Amino acid sequence: MDGSSSNRTPLDAIMYMIHHIFLPPELPQEDDFDPQHERILLNTTSDALQMFNAAAGYGLQGIIESVIAMMDNLRIVRGDLGAISEGKLESALRKLPKRGMFSLL
């Protein structure tokens, strides 16, 4: 490993995913939010859900598609900077009673 930032970023993103998927909520002890790592986490989770949906039985696909839609909407609400967009969140909340789930698409 040559120590360049291109080699550190994937490891940092992997550690971010480990902290946010596998470790208890109180770990790590400090705020480690990073918009790029958050995007990688959401994209990885969405990709895994897509693969799971393709392998799932017919009866589960509707449920998994709902989760995929919620993940996609979370990415939209969070935007490119990782901060929650109040306007996009308000739009999603207004559509909730009509559709039964957040739908920005």
PDB file of N, CA and C in Angstrom:
ATOM      1  N   MET A   1       0.843  -1.175   0.000  1.00  0.00           N
ATOM      2  CA  MET A   1       0.000   0.000   0.000  1.00  0.00           C
ATOM      3  C   MET A   1       0.880   1.227   0.000  1.00  0.00           C
ATOM      4  N   ASP A   2       0.618   2.154  -0.933  1.00  0.00           N
ATOM      5  CA  ASP A   2       1.499   3.295  -1.060  1.00  0.00           C
ATOM      6  C   ASP A   2       1.086   4.489  -0.227  1.00  0.00           C
ATOM      7  N   GLY A   3      -0.061   4.433   0.439  1.00  0.00           N
ATOM      8  CA  GLY A   3      -0.489   5.507   1.329  1.00  0.00           C
ATOM      9  C   GLY A   3      -1.185   6.645   0.618  1.00  0.00           C
ATOM     10  N   SER A   4      -1.468   6.506  -0.673  1.00  0.00           N
ATOM     11  CA  SER A   4      -2.159   7.572  -1.373  1.00  0.00           C
ATOM     12  C   SER A   4      -3.603   7.630  -0.925  1.00  0.00           C
ATOM     13  N   SER A   5      -4.231   8.792  -1.140  1.00  0.00           N
ATOM     14  CA  SER A   5      -5.615   8.964  -0.686  1.00  0.00           C
ATOM     15  C   SER A   5      -6.565   8.030  -1.419  1.00  0.00           C
ATOM     16  N   SER A   6      -6.228   7.637  -2.672  1.00  0.00           N
ATOM     17  CA  SER A   6      -7.110   6.729  -3.400  1.00  0.00           C
ATOM     18  C   SER A   6      -7.157   5.359  -2.735  1.00  0.00           C
ATOM     19  N   ASN A   7      -6.082   4.977  -2.027  1.00  0.00           N
ATOM     20  CA  ASN A   7      -6.077   3.704  -1.312  1.00  0.00           C
ATOM     21  C   ASN A   7      -6.730   3.828   0.059  1.00  0.00           C
ATOM     22  N   ARG A   8      -6.671   4.991   0.678  1.00  0.00           N
ATOM     23  CA  ARG A   8      -7.256   5.178   2.012  1.00  0.00           C
ATOM     24  C   ARG A   8      -8.769   5.318   1.960  1.00  0.00           C
ATOM     25  N   THR A   9      -9.296   5.971   0.948  1.00  0.00           N
ATOM     26  CA  THR A   9     -10.736   6.235   0.901  1.00  0.00           C
ATOM     27  C   THR A   9     -11.564   4.960   0.910  1.00  0.00           C
ATOM     28  N   PRO A  10     -11.261   3.952   0.097  1.00  0.00           N
ATOM     29  CA  PRO A  10     -12.071   2.736   0.177  1.00  0.00           C
ATOM     30  C   PRO A  10     -12.016   2.085   1.559  1.00  0.00           C
ATOM     31  N   LEU A  11     -10.858   2.066   2.190  1.00  0.00           N
ATOM     32  CA  LEU A  11     -10.749   1.501   3.529  1.00  0.00           C
ATOM     33  C   LEU A  11     -11.563   2.326   4.520  1.00  0.00           C
ATOM     34  N   ASP A  12     -11.488   3.645   4.403  1.00  0.00           N
ATOM     35  CA  ASP A  12     -12.289   4.514   5.270  1.00  0.00           C
ATOM     36  C   ASP A  12     -13.777   4.240   5.075  1.00  0.00           C
ATOM     37  N   ALA A  13     -14.180   4.079   3.823  1.00  0.00           N
ATOM     38  CA  ALA A  13     -15.590   3.812   3.537  1.00  0.00           C
ATOM     39  C   ALA A  13     -16.006   2.456   4.085  1.00  0.00           C
ATOM     40  N   ILE A  14     -15.129   1.471   3.980  1.00  0.00           N
ATOM     41  CA  ILE A  14     -15.427   0.141   4.532  1.00  0.00           C
ATOM     42  C   ILE A  14     -15.564   0.215   6.050  1.00  0.00           C
ATOM     43  N   MET A  15     -14.668   0.922   6.701  1.00  0.00           N
ATOM     44  CA  MET A  15     -14.743   1.058   8.158  1.00  0.00           C
ATOM     45  C   MET A  15     -16.024   1.805   8.554  1.00  0.00           C
ATOM     46  N   TYR A  16     -16.423   2.788   7.774  1.00  0.00           N
ATOM     47  CA  TYR A  16     -17.668   3.521   8.020  1.00  0.00           C
ATOM     48  C   TYR A  16     -18.852   2.555   7.956  1.00  0.00           C
ATOM     49  N   MET A  17     -18.863   1.701   6.919  1.00  0.00           N
ATOM     50  CA  MET A  17     -19.958   0.730   6.789  1.00  0.00           C
ATOM     51  C   MET A  17     -19.953  -0.258   7.951  1.00  0.00           C
ATOM     52  N   ILE A  18     -18.791  -0.719   8.354  1.00  0.00           N
ATOM     53  CA  ILE A  18     -18.705  -1.640   9.490  1.00  0.00           C
ATOM     54  C   ILE A  18     -19.260  -0.984  10.745  1.00  0.00           C
ATOM     55  N   HIS A  19     -18.889   0.270  10.980  1.00  0.00           N
ATOM     56  CA  HIS A  19     -19.373   0.979  12.174  1.00  0.00           C
ATOM     57  C   HIS A  19     -20.885   1.179  12.153  1.00  0.00           C
ATOM     58  N   HIS A  20     -21.439   1.380  10.958  1.00  0.00           N
ATOM     59  CA  HIS A  20     -22.862   1.705  10.881  1.00  0.00           C
ATOM     60  C   HIS A  20     -23.766   0.508  10.621  1.00  0.00           C
ATOM     61  N   ILE A  21     -23.200  -0.621  10.224  1.00  0.00           N
ATOM     62  CA  ILE A  21     -24.022  -1.807   9.975  1.00  0.00           C
ATOM     63  C   ILE A  21     -23.855  -2.843  11.078  1.00  0.00           C
ATOM     64  N   PHE A  22     -22.642  -3.109  11.492  1.00  0.00           N
ATOM     65  CA  PHE A  22     -22.376  -4.239  12.375  1.00  0.00           C
ATOM     66  C   PHE A  22     -22.161  -3.884  13.836  1.00  0.00           C
ATOM     67  N   LEU A  23     -21.684  -2.696  14.129  1.00  0.00           N
ATOM     68  CA  LEU A  23     -21.364  -2.352  15.510  1.00  0.00           C
ATOM     69  C   LEU A  23     -22.571  -1.763  16.225  1.00  0.00           C
ATOM     70  N   PRO A  24     -22.629  -1.884  17.535  1.00  0.00           N
ATOM     71  CA  PRO A  24     -23.740  -1.304  18.299  1.00  0.00           C
ATOM     72  C   PRO A  24     -23.825   0.207  18.077  1.00  0.00           C
ATOM     73  N   PRO A  25     -25.006   0.798  18.269  1.00  0.00           N
ATOM     74  CA  PRO A  25     -25.209   2.219  17.987  1.00  0.00           C
ATOM     75  C   PRO A  25     -24.264   3.155  18.747  1.00  0.00           C
ATOM     76  N   GLU A  26     -23.770   2.768  19.900  1.00  0.00           N
ATOM     77  CA  GLU A  26     -22.914   3.684  20.647  1.00  0.00           C
ATOM     78  C   GLU A  26     -21.468   3.693  20.140  1.00  0.00           C
ATOM     79  N   LEU A  27     -21.148   2.873  19.171  1.00  0.00           N
ATOM     80  CA  LEU A  27     -19.810   2.873  18.593  1.00  0.00           C
ATOM     81  C   LEU A  27     -19.871   3.427  17.185  1.00  0.00           C
ATOM     82  N   PRO A  28     -18.983   4.223  16.715  1.00  0.00           N
ATOM     83  CA  PRO A  28     -17.868   4.833  17.429  1.00  0.00           C
ATOM     84  C   PRO A  28     -18.347   5.912  18.391  1.00  0.00           C
ATOM     85  N   GLN A  29     -17.471   6.340  19.253  1.00  0.00           N
ATOM     86  CA  GLN A  29     -17.840   7.267  20.322  1.00  0.00           C
ATOM     87  C   GLN A  29     -18.004   8.708  19.846  1.00  0.00           C
ATOM     88  N   GLU A  30     -17.531   9.026  18.658  1.00  0.00           N
ATOM     89  CA  GLU A  30     -17.639  10.396  18.160  1.00  0.00           C
ATOM     90  C   GLU A  30     -18.392  10.403  16.837  1.00  0.00           C
ATOM     91  N   ASP A  31     -18.808  11.596  16.431  1.00  0.00           N
ATOM     92  CA  ASP A  31     -19.521  11.748  15.168  1.00  0.00           C
ATOM     93  C   ASP A  31     -18.551  11.483  14.021  1.00  0.00           C
ATOM     94  N   ASP A  32     -18.850  10.499  13.212  1.00  0.00           N
ATOM     95  CA  ASP A  32     -17.976  10.167  12.092  1.00  0.00           C
ATOM     96  C   ASP A  32     -18.667  10.383  10.747  1.00  0.00           C
ATOM     97  N   PHE A  33     -19.722  11.209  10.735  1.00  0.00           N
ATOM     98  CA  PHE A  33     -20.493  11.421   9.514  1.00  0.00           C
ATOM     99  C   PHE A  33     -19.601  11.972   8.404  1.00  0.00           C
ATOM    100  N   ASP A  34     -19.729  11.361   7.238  1.00  0.00           N
ATOM    101  CA  ASP A  34     -19.010  11.795   6.045  1.00  0.00           C
ATOM    102  C   ASP A  34     -19.965  11.605   4.875  1.00  0.00           C
ATOM    103  N   PRO A  35     -20.306  12.676   4.152  1.00  0.00           N
ATOM    104  CA  PRO A  35     -21.286  12.547   3.067  1.00  0.00           C
ATOM    105  C   PRO A  35     -20.904  11.518   2.005  1.00  0.00           C
ATOM    106  N   GLN A  36     -19.625  11.451   1.653  1.00  0.00           N
ATOM    107  CA  GLN A  36     -19.187  10.481   0.650  1.00  0.00           C
ATOM    108  C   GLN A  36     -19.355   9.057   1.173  1.00  0.00           C
ATOM    109  N   HIS A  37     -18.977   8.822   2.419  1.00  0.00           N
ATOM    110  CA  HIS A  37     -19.135   7.488   3.008  1.00  0.00           C
ATOM    111  C   HIS A  37     -20.609   7.126   3.149  1.00  0.00           C
ATOM    112  N   GLU A  38     -21.431   8.112   3.483  1.00  0.00           N
ATOM    113  CA  GLU A  38     -22.877   7.867   3.593  1.00  0.00           C
ATOM    114  C   GLU A  38     -23.451   7.456   2.244  1.00  0.00           C
ATOM    115  N   ARG A  39     -23.026   8.126   1.169  1.00  0.00           N
ATOM    116  CA  ARG A  39     -23.477   7.746  -0.179  1.00  0.00           C
ATOM    117  C   ARG A  39     -23.046   6.330  -0.514  1.00  0.00           C
ATOM    118  N   ILE A  40     -21.807   5.983  -0.189  1.00  0.00           N
ATOM    119  CA  ILE A  40     -21.305   4.630  -0.460  1.00  0.00           C
ATOM    120  C   ILE A  40     -22.125   3.607   0.329  1.00  0.00           C
ATOM    121  N   LEU A  41     -22.415   3.913   1.592  1.00  0.00           N
ATOM    122  CA  LEU A  41     -23.226   3.019   2.419  1.00  0.00           C
ATOM    123  C   LEU A  41     -24.613   2.828   1.824  1.00  0.00           C
ATOM    124  N   LEU A  42     -25.269   3.920   1.437  1.00  0.00           N
ATOM    125  CA  LEU A  42     -26.614   3.816   0.859  1.00  0.00           C
ATOM    126  C   LEU A  42     -26.589   3.090  -0.484  1.00  0.00           C
ATOM    127  N   ASN A  43     -25.587   3.371  -1.311  1.00  0.00           N
ATOM    128  CA  ASN A  43     -25.490   2.688  -2.607  1.00  0.00           C
ATOM    129  C   ASN A  43     -25.219   1.198  -2.441  1.00  0.00           C
ATOM    130  N   THR A  44     -24.338   0.843  -1.513  1.00  0.00           N
ATOM    131  CA  THR A  44     -24.030  -0.568  -1.260  1.00  0.00           C
ATOM    132  C   THR A  44     -25.259  -1.298  -0.740  1.00  0.00           C
ATOM    133  N   THR A  45     -25.973  -0.662   0.171  1.00  0.00           N
ATOM    134  CA  THR A  45     -27.193  -1.272   0.717  1.00  0.00           C
ATOM    135  C   THR A  45     -28.237  -1.446  -0.379  1.00  0.00           C
ATOM    136  N   SER A  46     -28.404  -0.434  -1.213  1.00  0.00           N
ATOM    137  CA  SER A  46     -29.368  -0.517  -2.309  1.00  0.00           C
ATOM    138  C   SER A  46     -28.984  -1.610  -3.305  1.00  0.00           C
ATOM    139  N   ASP A  47     -27.699  -1.706  -3.636  1.00  0.00           N
ATOM    140  CA  ASP A  47     -27.232  -2.766  -4.545  1.00  0.00           C
ATOM    141  C   ASP A  47     -27.496  -4.150  -3.952  1.00  0.00           C
ATOM    142  N   ALA A  48     -27.234  -4.303  -2.655  1.00  0.00           N
ATOM    143  CA  ALA A  48     -27.470  -5.596  -1.995  1.00  0.00           C
ATOM    144  C   ALA A  48     -28.963  -5.933  -2.008  1.00  0.00           C
ATOM    145  N   LEU A  49     -29.802  -4.938  -1.798  1.00  0.00           N
ATOM    146  CA  LEU A  49     -31.247  -5.173  -1.827  1.00  0.00           C
ATOM    147  C   LEU A  49     -31.696  -5.576  -3.233  1.00  0.00           C
ATOM    148  N   GLN A  50     -31.112  -4.969  -4.259  1.00  0.00           N
ATOM    149  CA  GLN A  50     -31.455  -5.334  -5.641  1.00  0.00           C
ATOM    150  C   GLN A  50     -31.097  -6.798  -5.908  1.00  0.00           C
ATOM    151  N   MET A  51     -29.917  -7.209  -5.475  1.00  0.00           N
ATOM    152  CA  MET A  51     -29.500  -8.604  -5.673  1.00  0.00           C
ATOM    153  C   MET A  51     -30.390  -9.553  -4.866  1.00  0.00           C
ATOM    154  N   PHE A  52     -30.723  -9.160  -3.638  1.00  0.00           N
ATOM    155  CA  PHE A  52     -31.595  -9.979  -2.803  1.00  0.00           C
ATOM    156  C   PHE A  52     -32.970 -10.108  -3.447  1.00  0.00           C
ATOM    157  N   ASN A  53     -33.471  -9.012  -4.000  1.00  0.00           N
ATOM    158  CA  ASN A  53     -34.781  -9.021  -4.637  1.00  0.00           C
ATOM    159  C   ASN A  53     -34.793  -9.964  -5.842  1.00  0.00           C
ATOM    160  N   ALA A  54     -33.694  -9.979  -6.600  1.00  0.00           N
ATOM    161  CA  ALA A  54     -33.617 -10.864  -7.771  1.00  0.00           C
ATOM    162  C   ALA A  54     -33.626 -12.332  -7.361  1.00  0.00           C
ATOM    163  N   ALA A  55     -33.077 -12.628  -6.191  1.00  0.00           N
ATOM    164  CA  ALA A  55     -32.997 -14.013  -5.732  1.00  0.00           C
ATOM    165  C   ALA A  55     -34.197 -14.423  -4.873  1.00  0.00           C
ATOM    166  N   ALA A  56     -34.970 -13.452  -4.430  1.00  0.00           N
ATOM    167  CA  ALA A  56     -36.088 -13.746  -3.521  1.00  0.00           C
ATOM    168  C   ALA A  56     -37.253 -14.382  -4.273  1.00  0.00           C
ATOM    169  N   GLY A  57     -38.045 -15.085  -3.520  1.00  0.00           N
ATOM    170  CA  GLY A  57     -39.247 -15.676  -4.090  1.00  0.00           C
ATOM    171  C   GLY A  57     -40.263 -14.608  -4.438  1.00  0.00           C
ATOM    172  N   TYR A  58     -41.197 -14.956  -5.285  1.00  0.00           N
ATOM    173  CA  TYR A  58     -42.193 -14.007  -5.784  1.00  0.00           C
ATOM    174  C   TYR A  58     -42.949 -13.317  -4.653  1.00  0.00           C
ATOM    175  N   GLY A  59     -43.268 -14.014  -3.600  1.00  0.00           N
ATOM    176  CA  GLY A  59     -44.044 -13.442  -2.508  1.00  0.00           C
ATOM    177  C   GLY A  59     -43.314 -12.360  -1.727  1.00  0.00           C
ATOM    178  N   LEU A  60     -42.000 -12.333  -1.788  1.00  0.00           N
ATOM    179  CA  LEU A  60     -41.217 -11.347  -1.038  1.00  0.00           C
ATOM    180  C   LEU A  60     -40.844 -10.125  -1.858  1.00  0.00           C
ATOM    181  N   GLN A  61     -40.954 -10.207  -3.170  1.00  0.00           N
ATOM    182  CA  GLN A  61     -40.453  -9.133  -4.010  1.00  0.00           C
ATOM    183  C   GLN A  61     -41.152  -7.798  -3.775  1.00  0.00           C
ATOM    184  N   GLY A  62     -42.433  -7.799  -3.524  1.00  0.00           N
ATOM    185  CA  GLY A  62     -43.141  -6.542  -3.255  1.00  0.00           C
ATOM    186  C   GLY A  62     -42.623  -5.854  -2.007  1.00  0.00           C
ATOM    187  N   ILE A  63     -42.363  -6.629  -0.982  1.00  0.00           N
ATOM    188  CA  ILE A  63     -41.836  -6.079   0.275  1.00  0.00           C
ATOM    189  C   ILE A  63     -40.435  -5.520   0.053  1.00  0.00           C
ATOM    190  N   ILE A  64     -39.604  -6.283  -0.636  1.00  0.00           N
ATOM    191  CA  ILE A  64     -38.226  -5.847  -0.882  1.00  0.00           C
ATOM    192  C   ILE A  64     -38.222  -4.614  -1.771  1.00  0.00           C
ATOM    193  N   GLU A  65     -39.099  -4.557  -2.757  1.00  0.00           N
ATOM    194  CA  GLU A  65     -39.188  -3.377  -3.620  1.00  0.00           C
ATOM    195  C   GLU A  65     -39.596  -2.143  -2.823  1.00  0.00           C
ATOM    196  N   SER A  66     -40.440  -2.305  -1.812  1.00  0.00           N
ATOM    197  CA  SER A  66     -40.800  -1.182  -0.938  1.00  0.00           C
ATOM    198  C   SER A  66     -39.581  -0.664  -0.185  1.00  0.00           C
ATOM    199  N   VAL A  67     -38.755  -1.575   0.301  1.00  0.00           N
ATOM    200  CA  VAL A  67     -37.542  -1.185   1.014  1.00  0.00           C
ATOM    201  C   VAL A  67     -36.575  -0.496   0.053  1.00  0.00           C
ATOM    202  N   ILE A  68     -36.458  -1.020  -1.163  1.00  0.00           N
ATOM    203  CA  ILE A  68     -35.593  -0.393  -2.166  1.00  0.00           C
ATOM    204  C   ILE A  68     -36.079   1.022  -2.461  1.00  0.00           C
ATOM    205  N   ALA A  69     -37.385   1.200  -2.614  1.00  0.00           N
ATOM    206  CA  ALA A  69     -37.939   2.531  -2.868  1.00  0.00           C
ATOM    207  C   ALA A  69     -37.648   3.474  -1.708  1.00  0.00           C
ATOM    208  N   MET A  70     -37.753   2.977  -0.473  1.00  0.00           N
ATOM    209  CA  MET A  70     -37.449   3.820   0.681  1.00  0.00           C
ATOM    210  C   MET A  70     -35.975   4.208   0.699  1.00  0.00           C
ATOM    211  N   MET A  71     -35.082   3.281   0.337  1.00  0.00           N
ATOM    212  CA  MET A  71     -33.646   3.594   0.272  1.00  0.00           C
ATOM    213  C   MET A  71     -33.386   4.639  -0.809  1.00  0.00           C
ATOM    214  N   ASP A  72     -34.013   4.477  -1.969  1.00  0.00           N
ATOM    215  CA  ASP A  72     -33.840   5.452  -3.046  1.00  0.00           C
ATOM    216  C   ASP A  72     -34.326   6.830  -2.605  1.00  0.00           C
ATOM    217  N   ASN A  73     -35.455   6.864  -1.928  1.00  0.00           N
ATOM    218  CA  ASN A  73     -35.983   8.137  -1.448  1.00  0.00           C
ATOM    219  C   ASN A  73     -35.093   8.754  -0.372  1.00  0.00           C
ATOM    220  N   LEU A  74     -34.501   7.924   0.467  1.00  0.00           N
ATOM    221  CA  LEU A  74     -33.566   8.432   1.472  1.00  0.00           C
ATOM    222  C   LEU A  74     -32.383   9.107   0.790  1.00  0.00           C
ATOM    223  N   ARG A  75     -31.886   8.494  -0.284  1.00  0.00           N
ATOM    224  CA  ARG A  75     -30.784   9.107  -1.034  1.00  0.00           C
ATOM    225  C   ARG A  75     -31.204  10.446  -1.619  1.00  0.00           C
ATOM    226  N   ILE A  76     -32.437  10.538  -2.119  1.00  0.00           N
ATOM    227  CA  ILE A  76     -32.933  11.792  -2.688  1.00  0.00           C
ATOM    228  C   ILE A  76     -33.073  12.851  -1.595  1.00  0.00           C
ATOM    229  N   VAL A  77     -33.675  12.488  -0.464  1.00  0.00           N
ATOM    230  CA  VAL A  77     -33.884  13.434   0.632  1.00  0.00           C
ATOM    231  C   VAL A  77     -32.556  13.936   1.175  1.00  0.00           C
ATOM    232  N   ARG A  78     -31.566  13.057   1.269  1.00  0.00           N
ATOM    233  CA  ARG A  78     -30.252  13.439   1.802  1.00  0.00           C
ATOM    234  C   ARG A  78     -29.452  14.275   0.817  1.00  0.00           C
ATOM    235  N   GLY A  79     -29.686  14.115  -0.471  1.00  0.00           N
ATOM    236  CA  GLY A  79     -28.998  14.929  -1.473  1.00  0.00           C
ATOM    237  C   GLY A  79     -27.516  14.610  -1.585  1.00  0.00           C
ATOM    238  N   ASP A  80     -26.837  15.408  -2.404  1.00  0.00           N
ATOM    239  CA  ASP A  80     -25.422  15.181  -2.674  1.00  0.00           C
ATOM    240  C   ASP A  80     -24.526  15.490  -1.491  1.00  0.00           C
ATOM    241  N   LEU A  81     -24.926  16.405  -0.638  1.00  0.00           N
ATOM    242  CA  LEU A  81     -24.079  16.802   0.485  1.00  0.00           C
ATOM    243  C   LEU A  81     -24.305  15.950   1.720  1.00  0.00           C
ATOM    244  N   GLY A  82     -25.278  15.053   1.686  1.00  0.00           N
ATOM    245  CA  GLY A  82     -25.532  14.180   2.816  1.00  0.00           C
ATOM    246  C   GLY A  82     -26.443  14.791   3.867  1.00  0.00           C
ATOM    247  N   ALA A  83     -26.711  16.070   3.747  1.00  0.00           N
ATOM    248  CA  ALA A  83     -27.603  16.738   4.696  1.00  0.00           C
ATOM    249  C   ALA A  83     -29.039  16.578   4.216  1.00  0.00           C
ATOM    250  N   ILE A  84     -29.944  16.482   5.142  1.00  0.00           N
ATOM    251  CA  ILE A  84     -31.349  16.309   4.782  1.00  0.00           C
ATOM    252  C   ILE A  84     -31.888  17.607   4.199  1.00  0.00           C
ATOM    253  N   SER A  85     -32.479  17.507   3.027  1.00  0.00           N
ATOM    254  CA  SER A  85     -33.105  18.647   2.370  1.00  0.00           C
ATOM    255  C   SER A  85     -34.510  18.806   2.936  1.00  0.00           C
ATOM    256  N   GLU A  86     -34.763  19.933   3.589  1.00  0.00           N
ATOM    257  CA  GLU A  86     -36.080  20.139   4.206  1.00  0.00           C
ATOM    258  C   GLU A  86     -37.197  20.113   3.170  1.00  0.00           C
ATOM    259  N   GLY A  87     -36.954  20.717   2.007  1.00  0.00           N
ATOM    260  CA  GLY A  87     -37.970  20.748   0.963  1.00  0.00           C
ATOM    261  C   GLY A  87     -38.309  19.358   0.444  1.00  0.00           C
ATOM    262  N   LYS A  88     -37.285  18.544   0.210  1.00  0.00           N
ATOM    263  CA  LYS A  88     -37.509  17.190  -0.286  1.00  0.00           C
ATOM    264  C   LYS A  88     -38.152  16.311   0.780  1.00  0.00           C
ATOM    265  N   LEU A  89     -37.766  16.515   2.038  1.00  0.00           N
ATOM    266  CA  LEU A  89     -38.383  15.751   3.119  1.00  0.00           C
ATOM    267  C   LEU A  89     -39.846  16.136   3.277  1.00  0.00           C
ATOM    268  N   GLU A  90     -40.133  17.428   3.210  1.00  0.00           N
ATOM    269  CA  GLU A  90     -41.523  17.884   3.311  1.00  0.00           C
ATOM    270  C   GLU A  90     -42.362  17.297   2.183  1.00  0.00           C
ATOM    271  N   SER A  91     -41.810  17.269   0.970  1.00  0.00           N
ATOM    272  CA  SER A  91     -42.528  16.688  -0.162  1.00  0.00           C
ATOM    273  C   SER A  91     -42.819  15.211   0.075  1.00  0.00           C
ATOM    274  N   ALA A  92     -41.824  14.478   0.603  1.00  0.00           N
ATOM    275  CA  ALA A  92     -42.009  13.053   0.872  1.00  0.00           C
ATOM    276  C   ALA A  92     -43.069  12.839   1.944  1.00  0.00           C
ATOM    277  N   LEU A  93     -43.052  13.664   2.975  1.00  0.00           N
ATOM    278  CA  LEU A  93     -44.034  13.528   4.057  1.00  0.00           C
ATOM    279  C   LEU A  93     -45.441  13.846   3.579  1.00  0.00           C
ATOM    280  N   ARG A  94     -45.581  14.823   2.685  1.00  0.00           N
ATOM    281  CA  ARG A  94     -46.907  15.161   2.148  1.00  0.00           C
ATOM    282  C   ARG A  94     -47.484  14.012   1.323  1.00  0.00           C
ATOM    283  N   LYS A  95     -46.626  13.250   0.644  1.00  0.00           N
ATOM    284  CA  LYS A  95     -47.086  12.132  -0.188  1.00  0.00           C
ATOM    285  C   LYS A  95     -47.349  10.871   0.621  1.00  0.00           C
ATOM    286  N   LEU A  96     -46.888  10.827   1.856  1.00  0.00           N
ATOM    287  CA  LEU A  96     -47.012   9.624   2.673  1.00  0.00           C
ATOM    288  C   LEU A  96     -48.447   9.139   2.829  1.00  0.00           C
ATOM    289  N   PRO A  97     -49.428   9.998   3.181  1.00  0.00           N
ATOM    290  CA  PRO A  97     -50.808   9.478   3.350  1.00  0.00           C
ATOM    291  C   PRO A  97     -51.408   8.938   2.058  1.00  0.00           C
ATOM    292  N   LYS A  98     -50.968   9.426   0.912  1.00  0.00           N
ATOM    293  CA  LYS A  98     -51.542   9.002  -0.353  1.00  0.00           C
ATOM    294  C   LYS A  98     -50.957   7.687  -0.849  1.00  0.00           C
ATOM    295  N   ARG A  99     -49.687   7.472  -0.606  1.00  0.00           N
ATOM    296  CA  ARG A  99     -49.014   6.315  -1.181  1.00  0.00           C
ATOM    297  C   ARG A  99     -48.665   5.239  -0.159  1.00  0.00           C
ATOM    298  N   GLY A 100     -48.675   5.564   1.116  1.00  0.00           N
ATOM    299  CA  GLY A 100     -48.361   4.572   2.123  1.00  0.00           C
ATOM    300  C   GLY A 100     -46.883   4.416   2.370  1.00  0.00           C
ATOM    301  N   MET A 101     -46.066   5.100   1.584  1.00  0.00           N
ATOM    302  CA  MET A 101     -44.626   5.105   1.804  1.00  0.00           C
ATOM    303  C   MET A 101     -44.072   6.366   1.161  1.00  0.00           C
ATOM    304  N   PHE A 102     -42.853   6.718   1.507  1.00  0.00           N
ATOM    305  CA  PHE A 102     -42.221   7.884   0.912  1.00  0.00           C
ATOM    306  C   PHE A 102     -42.027   7.627  -0.562  1.00  0.00           C
ATOM    307  N   SER A 103     -42.454   8.556  -1.377  1.00  0.00           N
ATOM    308  CA  SER A 103     -42.280   8.398  -2.824  1.00  0.00           C
ATOM    309  C   SER A 103     -41.934   9.736  -3.442  1.00  0.00           C
ATOM    310  N   LEU A 104     -40.707   9.888  -3.850  1.00  0.00           N
ATOM    311  CA  LEU A 104     -40.262  11.096  -4.530  1.00  0.00           C
ATOM    312  C   LEU A 104     -40.028  10.829  -5.997  1.00  0.00           C
ATOM    313  N   LEU A 105     -40.018   9.578  -6.366  1.00  0.00           N
ATOM    314  CA  LEU A 105     -39.651   9.227  -7.738  1.00  0.00           C
ATOM    315  C   LEU A 105     -40.762   9.509  -8.700  1.00  0.00           C
TER     316      LEU A 105
END
